[in-house]
Amino acid sequence: MSIEQPFIWPTRVYWEDTDAGGVVYHARYVAFMERARTEWMRALGWGQEAMRTGGGQVFVVRAMSLDFHKPARLDDALTVSVELTQCRRASLVMAQQVRRDGQLLASATVRLAAVGAEDFRPQPIDAHMLSVFEPLQVQHESLRNKG
């Protein structure tokens, strides 16, 4: 299965996402990014509940580096992107961005670890899933600038 790269998930800022000044509360960016990653997986054919109950495997956030560039505000239409930048035997690294009208608001690098759904111990990513992920890897610009 193949999807457009980067994967784009649209969302909007609601009252529940903002502080008293109508600016998006910083922790909400993490939620926006989590939902985009969930929809990226779903677009590839793996819903989280099916992975948990049927495959016995889930992905958990192992590390996240998040930079805030500009604020989002109440009622803004946002896009959240997901790009797979590294695929290893038991982990994935994703680059994510939140934008409004093309303007970068927040960016993150997220490392996910594959773990057993029951014991949360690290385990190799399912072989079929790995075969789908590997061709989706992109060399993200933020990684190019570091090396």
C-alpha atoms as a PDB file:
ATOM      1  CA  MET A   1       0.000   0.000   0.000  1.00  0.00           C
ATOM      2  CA  SER A   2       1.232   3.487  -0.792  1.00  0.00           C
ATOM      3  CA  ILE A   3       0.236   6.943   0.373  1.00  0.00           C
ATOM      4  CA  GLU A   4       1.135  10.475  -0.650  1.00  0.00           C
ATOM      5  CA  GLN A   5       4.276  11.815   1.036  1.00  0.00           C
ATOM      6  CA  PRO A   6       4.168  13.786   3.159  1.00  0.00           C
ATOM      7  CA  PHE A   7       0.899  12.544   4.601  1.00  0.00           C
ATOM      8  CA  ILE A   8      -1.299  15.567   5.418  1.00  0.00           C
ATOM      9  CA  TRP A   9      -4.065  15.573   8.031  1.00  0.00           C
ATOM     10  CA  PRO A  10      -6.298  18.670   8.272  1.00  0.00           C
ATOM     11  CA  THR A  11      -7.690  19.908  11.566  1.00  0.00           C
ATOM     12  CA  ARG A  12      -9.070  23.090  13.098  1.00  0.00           C
ATOM     13  CA  VAL A  13      -8.394  24.907  16.369  1.00  0.00           C
ATOM     14  CA  TYR A  14     -11.341  24.799  18.795  1.00  0.00           C
ATOM     15  CA  TRP A  15     -11.890  26.462  22.182  1.00  0.00           C
ATOM     16  CA  GLU A  16     -10.697  23.306  23.946  1.00  0.00           C
ATOM     17  CA  ASP A  17      -7.309  23.695  22.223  1.00  0.00           C
ATOM     18  CA  THR A  18      -6.641  27.236  23.427  1.00  0.00           C
ATOM     19  CA  ASP A  19      -5.641  29.119  26.530  1.00  0.00           C
ATOM     20  CA  ALA A  20      -7.588  32.121  27.841  1.00  0.00           C
ATOM     21  CA  GLY A  21      -6.029  34.343  25.167  1.00  0.00           C
ATOM     22  CA  GLY A  22      -7.267  32.197  22.276  1.00  0.00           C
ATOM     23  CA  VAL A  23      -3.768  30.854  21.502  1.00  0.00           C
ATOM     24  CA  VAL A  24      -3.219  27.106  21.134  1.00  0.00           C
ATOM     25  CA  TYR A  25      -1.908  25.625  24.386  1.00  0.00           C
ATOM     26  CA  HIS A  26       1.497  24.015  23.757  1.00  0.00           C
ATOM     27  CA  ALA A  27       0.452  20.464  24.726  1.00  0.00           C
ATOM     28  CA  ARG A  28      -2.285  20.474  22.084  1.00  0.00           C
ATOM     29  CA  TYR A  29       0.344  20.362  19.325  1.00  0.00           C
ATOM     30  CA  VAL A  30       1.349  16.945  20.676  1.00  0.00           C
ATOM     31  CA  ALA A  31      -2.288  15.816  20.375  1.00  0.00           C
ATOM     32  CA  PHE A  32      -2.559  17.170  16.821  1.00  0.00           C
ATOM     33  CA  MET A  33       0.580  15.258  15.864  1.00  0.00           C
ATOM     34  CA  GLU A  34      -0.598  12.055  17.558  1.00  0.00           C
ATOM     35  CA  ARG A  35      -3.848  12.162  15.605  1.00  0.00           C
ATOM     36  CA  ALA A  36      -1.999  12.742  12.332  1.00  0.00           C
ATOM     37  CA  ARG A  37       0.271   9.735  13.018  1.00  0.00           C
ATOM     38  CA  THR A  38      -2.791   7.639  13.840  1.00  0.00           C
ATOM     39  CA  GLU A  39      -4.443   8.629  10.554  1.00  0.00           C
ATOM     40  CA  TRP A  40      -1.175   7.949   8.677  1.00  0.00           C
ATOM     41  CA  MET A  41      -1.205   4.397  10.066  1.00  0.00           C
ATOM     42  CA  ARG A  42      -4.910   4.012   9.246  1.00  0.00           C
ATOM     43  CA  ALA A  43      -4.266   5.180   5.661  1.00  0.00           C
ATOM     44  CA  LEU A  44      -1.681   2.399   5.402  1.00  0.00           C
ATOM     45  CA  GLY A  45      -4.254  -0.137   6.583  1.00  0.00           C
ATOM     46  CA  TRP A  46      -3.518  -0.424  10.298  1.00  0.00           C
ATOM     47  CA  GLY A  47      -5.968   0.980  12.813  1.00  0.00           C
ATOM     48  CA  GLN A  48      -4.576   1.140  16.325  1.00  0.00           C
ATOM     49  CA  GLU A  49      -7.215  -1.070  17.923  1.00  0.00           C
ATOM     50  CA  ALA A  50      -6.803  -3.747  15.245  1.00  0.00           C
ATOM     51  CA  MET A  51      -3.036  -3.663  15.745  1.00  0.00           C
ATOM     52  CA  ARG A  52      -3.465  -4.019  19.498  1.00  0.00           C
ATOM     53  CA  THR A  53      -6.032  -6.797  19.497  1.00  0.00           C
ATOM     54  CA  GLY A  54      -5.204  -8.585  16.257  1.00  0.00           C
ATOM     55  CA  GLY A  55      -1.469  -8.166  15.998  1.00  0.00           C
ATOM     56  CA  GLY A  56      -0.543  -7.830  19.635  1.00  0.00           C
ATOM     57  CA  GLN A  57       1.702  -4.875  18.863  1.00  0.00           C
ATOM     58  CA  VAL A  58       1.470  -1.128  19.375  1.00  0.00           C
ATOM     59  CA  PHE A  59       3.748   1.852  18.851  1.00  0.00           C
ATOM     60  CA  VAL A  60       4.634   4.124  21.757  1.00  0.00           C
ATOM     61  CA  VAL A  61       6.426   7.461  21.731  1.00  0.00           C
ATOM     62  CA  ARG A  62       9.998   6.864  22.883  1.00  0.00           C
ATOM     63  CA  ALA A  63      11.269  10.414  22.327  1.00  0.00           C
ATOM     64  CA  MET A  64      10.011  13.695  20.927  1.00  0.00           C
ATOM     65  CA  SER A  65      11.758  16.947  20.100  1.00  0.00           C
ATOM     66  CA  LEU A  66       9.318  19.787  19.475  1.00  0.00           C
ATOM     67  CA  ASP A  67      10.011  23.329  18.264  1.00  0.00           C
ATOM     68  CA  PHE A  68       7.442  26.114  18.322  1.00  0.00           C
ATOM     69  CA  HIS A  69       7.810  28.706  15.560  1.00  0.00           C
ATOM     70  CA  LYS A  70       4.591  30.767  15.581  1.00  0.00           C
ATOM     71  CA  PRO A  71       1.293  30.528  17.480  1.00  0.00           C
ATOM     72  CA  ALA A  72      -1.904  29.007  16.179  1.00  0.00           C
ATOM     73  CA  ARG A  73      -5.127  30.688  17.246  1.00  0.00           C
ATOM     74  CA  LEU A  74      -8.775  29.908  17.767  1.00  0.00           C
ATOM     75  CA  ASP A  75     -10.552  28.771  14.574  1.00  0.00           C
ATOM     76  CA  ASP A  76      -7.349  28.456  12.509  1.00  0.00           C
ATOM     77  CA  ALA A  77      -7.450  25.738   9.856  1.00  0.00           C
ATOM     78  CA  LEU A  78      -4.267  23.700  10.255  1.00  0.00           C
ATOM     79  CA  THR A  79      -2.507  20.929   8.401  1.00  0.00           C
ATOM     80  CA  VAL A  80      -0.370  18.395  10.218  1.00  0.00           C
ATOM     81  CA  SER A  81       2.167  16.466   8.164  1.00  0.00           C
ATOM     82  CA  VAL A  82       3.808  13.102   8.784  1.00  0.00           C
ATOM     83  CA  GLU A  83       6.955  11.870   7.044  1.00  0.00           C
ATOM     84  CA  LEU A  84       8.747   8.645   7.894  1.00  0.00           C
ATOM     85  CA  THR A  85      12.450   9.498   8.044  1.00  0.00           C
ATOM     86  CA  GLN A  86      13.868   6.317   9.543  1.00  0.00           C
ATOM     87  CA  CYS A  87      12.661   2.745   9.753  1.00  0.00           C
ATOM     88  CA  ARG A  88      14.541   0.294  11.932  1.00  0.00           C
ATOM     89  CA  ARG A  89      13.788  -3.221  13.076  1.00  0.00           C
ATOM     90  CA  ALA A  90      11.896  -2.087  16.193  1.00  0.00           C
ATOM     91  CA  SER A  91      11.469   1.676  15.810  1.00  0.00           C
ATOM     92  CA  LEU A  92      10.372   4.461  13.500  1.00  0.00           C
ATOM     93  CA  VAL A  93      11.395   8.114  13.343  1.00  0.00           C
ATOM     94  CA  MET A  94       8.947  10.645  11.949  1.00  0.00           C
ATOM     95  CA  ALA A  95       9.232  14.308  11.050  1.00  0.00           C
ATOM     96  CA  GLN A  96       6.044  16.264  11.671  1.00  0.00           C
ATOM     97  CA  GLN A  97       4.980  19.827  10.997  1.00  0.00           C
ATOM     98  CA  VAL A  98       1.933  21.903  11.870  1.00  0.00           C
ATOM     99  CA  ARG A  99       1.134  24.647   9.356  1.00  0.00           C
ATOM    100  CA  ARG A 100      -1.463  27.349   8.790  1.00  0.00           C
ATOM    101  CA  ASP A 101      -1.807  28.530   5.189  1.00  0.00           C
ATOM    102  CA  GLY A 102       1.622  27.063   4.462  1.00  0.00           C
ATOM    103  CA  GLN A 103       3.273  28.920   7.354  1.00  0.00           C
ATOM    104  CA  LEU A 104       5.250  26.682   9.738  1.00  0.00           C
ATOM    105  CA  LEU A 105       3.909  26.873  13.302  1.00  0.00           C
ATOM    106  CA  ALA A 106       5.510  23.844  14.973  1.00  0.00           C
ATOM    107  CA  SER A 107       7.856  21.043  13.977  1.00  0.00           C
ATOM    108  CA  ALA A 108       8.831  17.816  15.697  1.00  0.00           C
ATOM    109  CA  THR A 109      10.931  14.717  15.403  1.00  0.00           C
ATOM    110  CA  VAL A 110       9.216  11.707  16.966  1.00  0.00           C
ATOM    111  CA  ARG A 111      10.782   8.303  17.680  1.00  0.00           C
ATOM    112  CA  LEU A 112       8.272   5.476  18.047  1.00  0.00           C
ATOM    113  CA  ALA A 113       9.105   2.082  19.527  1.00  0.00           C
ATOM    114  CA  ALA A 114       7.271  -1.136  18.673  1.00  0.00           C
ATOM    115  CA  VAL A 115       6.162  -2.930  21.831  1.00  0.00           C
ATOM    116  CA  GLY A 116       3.967  -5.871  22.761  1.00  0.00           C
ATOM    117  CA  ALA A 117       0.387  -4.806  23.456  1.00  0.00           C
ATOM    118  CA  GLU A 118       0.239  -6.859  26.665  1.00  0.00           C
ATOM    119  CA  ASP A 119       3.675  -6.437  28.238  1.00  0.00           C
ATOM    120  CA  PHE A 120       4.923  -3.227  26.568  1.00  0.00           C
ATOM    121  CA  ARG A 121       8.308  -4.846  25.991  1.00  0.00           C
ATOM    122  CA  PRO A 122      10.227  -3.864  22.845  1.00  0.00           C
ATOM    123  CA  GLN A 123       9.745  -6.194  19.893  1.00  0.00           C
ATOM    124  CA  PRO A 124      10.539  -6.216  16.175  1.00  0.00           C
ATOM    125  CA  ILE A 125       8.043  -4.525  13.885  1.00  0.00           C
ATOM    126  CA  ASP A 126       5.817  -7.021  12.069  1.00  0.00           C
ATOM    127  CA  ALA A 127       7.606  -8.141   8.862  1.00  0.00           C
ATOM    128  CA  HIS A 128       4.727  -7.196   6.540  1.00  0.00           C
ATOM    129  CA  MET A 129       4.399  -3.791   8.179  1.00  0.00           C
ATOM    130  CA  LEU A 130       8.153  -3.257   7.881  1.00  0.00           C
ATOM    131  CA  SER A 131       8.007  -4.074   4.158  1.00  0.00           C
ATOM    132  CA  VAL A 132       5.386  -1.332   3.720  1.00  0.00           C
ATOM    133  CA  PHE A 133       7.256   1.222   5.848  1.00  0.00           C
ATOM    134  CA  GLU A 134      10.725   0.834   4.335  1.00  0.00           C
ATOM    135  CA  PRO A 135       9.958   2.334   0.884  1.00  0.00           C
ATOM    136  CA  LEU A 136       8.183   5.292   2.550  1.00  0.00           C
ATOM    137  CA  GLN A 137      11.342   6.608   4.215  1.00  0.00           C
ATOM    138  CA  VAL A 138      12.327  10.088   3.080  1.00  0.00           C
ATOM    139  CA  GLN A 139      15.475  12.067   3.754  1.00  0.00           C
ATOM    140  CA  HIS A 140      13.987  14.943   5.712  1.00  0.00           C
ATOM    141  CA  GLU A 141      15.648  18.351   5.335  1.00  0.00           C
ATOM    142  CA  SER A 142      16.133  18.784   9.090  1.00  0.00           C
ATOM    143  CA  LEU A 143      18.111  15.533   9.114  1.00  0.00           C
ATOM    144  CA  ARG A 144      20.159  16.541   6.064  1.00  0.00           C
ATOM    145  CA  ASN A 145      21.167  19.762   7.814  1.00  0.00           C
ATOM    146  CA  LYS A 146      22.489  17.838  10.835  1.00  0.00           C
ATOM    147  CA  GLY A 147      24.720  15.465   8.892  1.00  0.00           C
END
